[in-house]
Amino acid sequence: MLYAWNYFVLAAVREPGERELRIGFDLHARELEMVGVMTETGWLIYHAMTPPSRKTRNEISRALGEGK
């Protein structure tokens, strides 16, 4: 999961500098959906699942301006 978080392929910022939604691939080539929050010591990933949901893909598409 940490590899997927650090080398994500798509992301949407939910709260600038505080909370992000990311999609990335782990070391076994599984596509992961992850949500993390910035803490004083770095990112805390509090949600991860595979495969990413349609809702997550739609949120990222809207953030990238693709859902217009």
Protein backbone atom coordinates (compact mmCIF):
# COMPACT_ATOMS: atom_id res chain seq x y z
CA MET A 1 0.00 0.00 0.00
CA LEU A 2 2.80 2.45 0.77
CA TYR A 3 4.30 1.91 -2.67
CA ALA A 4 0.91 2.59 -4.27
CA TRP A 5 0.47 5.73 -2.16
CA ASN A 6 3.92 7.12 -2.96
CA TYR A 7 3.81 6.28 -6.68
CA PHE A 8 0.11 6.97 -7.33
CA VAL A 9 -1.20 7.35 -10.89
CA LEU A 10 -4.33 9.45 -10.18
CA ALA A 11 -5.31 11.73 -7.32
CA ALA A 12 -7.92 14.19 -6.12
CA VAL A 13 -7.41 16.67 -3.31
CA ARG A 14 -10.35 16.68 -0.94
CA GLU A 15 -8.91 19.30 1.42
CA PRO A 16 -5.78 21.09 0.11
CA GLY A 17 -2.72 20.10 2.12
CA GLU A 18 -4.76 17.87 4.41
CA ARG A 19 -6.72 15.06 2.72
CA GLU A 20 -6.21 13.24 -0.59
CA LEU A 21 -7.81 10.44 -2.56
CA ARG A 22 -5.34 8.43 -4.66
CA ILE A 23 -5.30 5.45 -7.00
CA GLY A 24 -2.08 3.51 -7.47
CA PHE A 25 -0.66 0.03 -7.96
CA ASP A 26 0.99 -2.06 -5.26
CA LEU A 27 4.03 -4.29 -5.76
CA HIS A 28 1.76 -7.13 -6.92
CA ALA A 29 0.18 -4.92 -9.65
CA ARG A 30 -3.13 -4.64 -7.78
CA GLU A 31 -4.92 -1.35 -8.30
CA LEU A 32 -5.70 0.34 -4.96
CA GLU A 33 -8.00 3.14 -3.90
CA MET A 34 -6.59 5.01 -0.89
CA VAL A 35 -7.54 8.00 1.25
CA GLY A 36 -5.01 9.72 3.47
CA VAL A 37 -4.82 12.66 5.82
CA MET A 38 -1.72 14.74 6.57
CA THR A 39 -0.56 14.57 10.19
CA GLU A 40 2.34 16.23 11.98
CA THR A 41 4.54 13.23 11.13
CA GLY A 42 3.40 12.58 7.54
CA TRP A 43 0.51 10.93 5.71
CA LEU A 44 -1.85 8.60 7.57
CA ILE A 45 -3.62 6.32 5.10
CA TYR A 46 -6.91 5.42 6.75
CA HIS A 47 -8.72 3.75 3.85
CA ALA A 48 -7.52 1.33 1.19
CA MET A 49 -9.41 -1.13 -0.99
CA THR A 50 -9.09 -2.97 -4.25
CA PRO A 51 -10.37 -2.49 -6.85
CA PRO A 52 -11.17 1.23 -6.78
CA SER A 53 -14.90 1.95 -6.76
CA ARG A 54 -16.80 3.72 -9.53
CA LYS A 55 -17.51 6.55 -7.06
CA THR A 56 -13.77 7.06 -6.52
CA ARG A 57 -13.04 7.04 -10.25
CA ASN A 58 -15.81 9.61 -10.80
CA GLU A 59 -14.48 11.88 -8.03
CA ILE A 60 -10.98 11.82 -9.50
CA SER A 61 -12.34 12.45 -13.02
CA ARG A 62 -14.25 15.49 -11.77
CA ALA A 63 -11.15 16.78 -9.95
CA LEU A 64 -9.14 16.44 -13.16
CA GLY A 65 -11.84 18.26 -15.10
CA GLU A 66 -12.77 15.18 -17.13
CA GLY A 67 -16.35 14.87 -15.87
CA LYS A 68 -17.77 18.02 -17.43
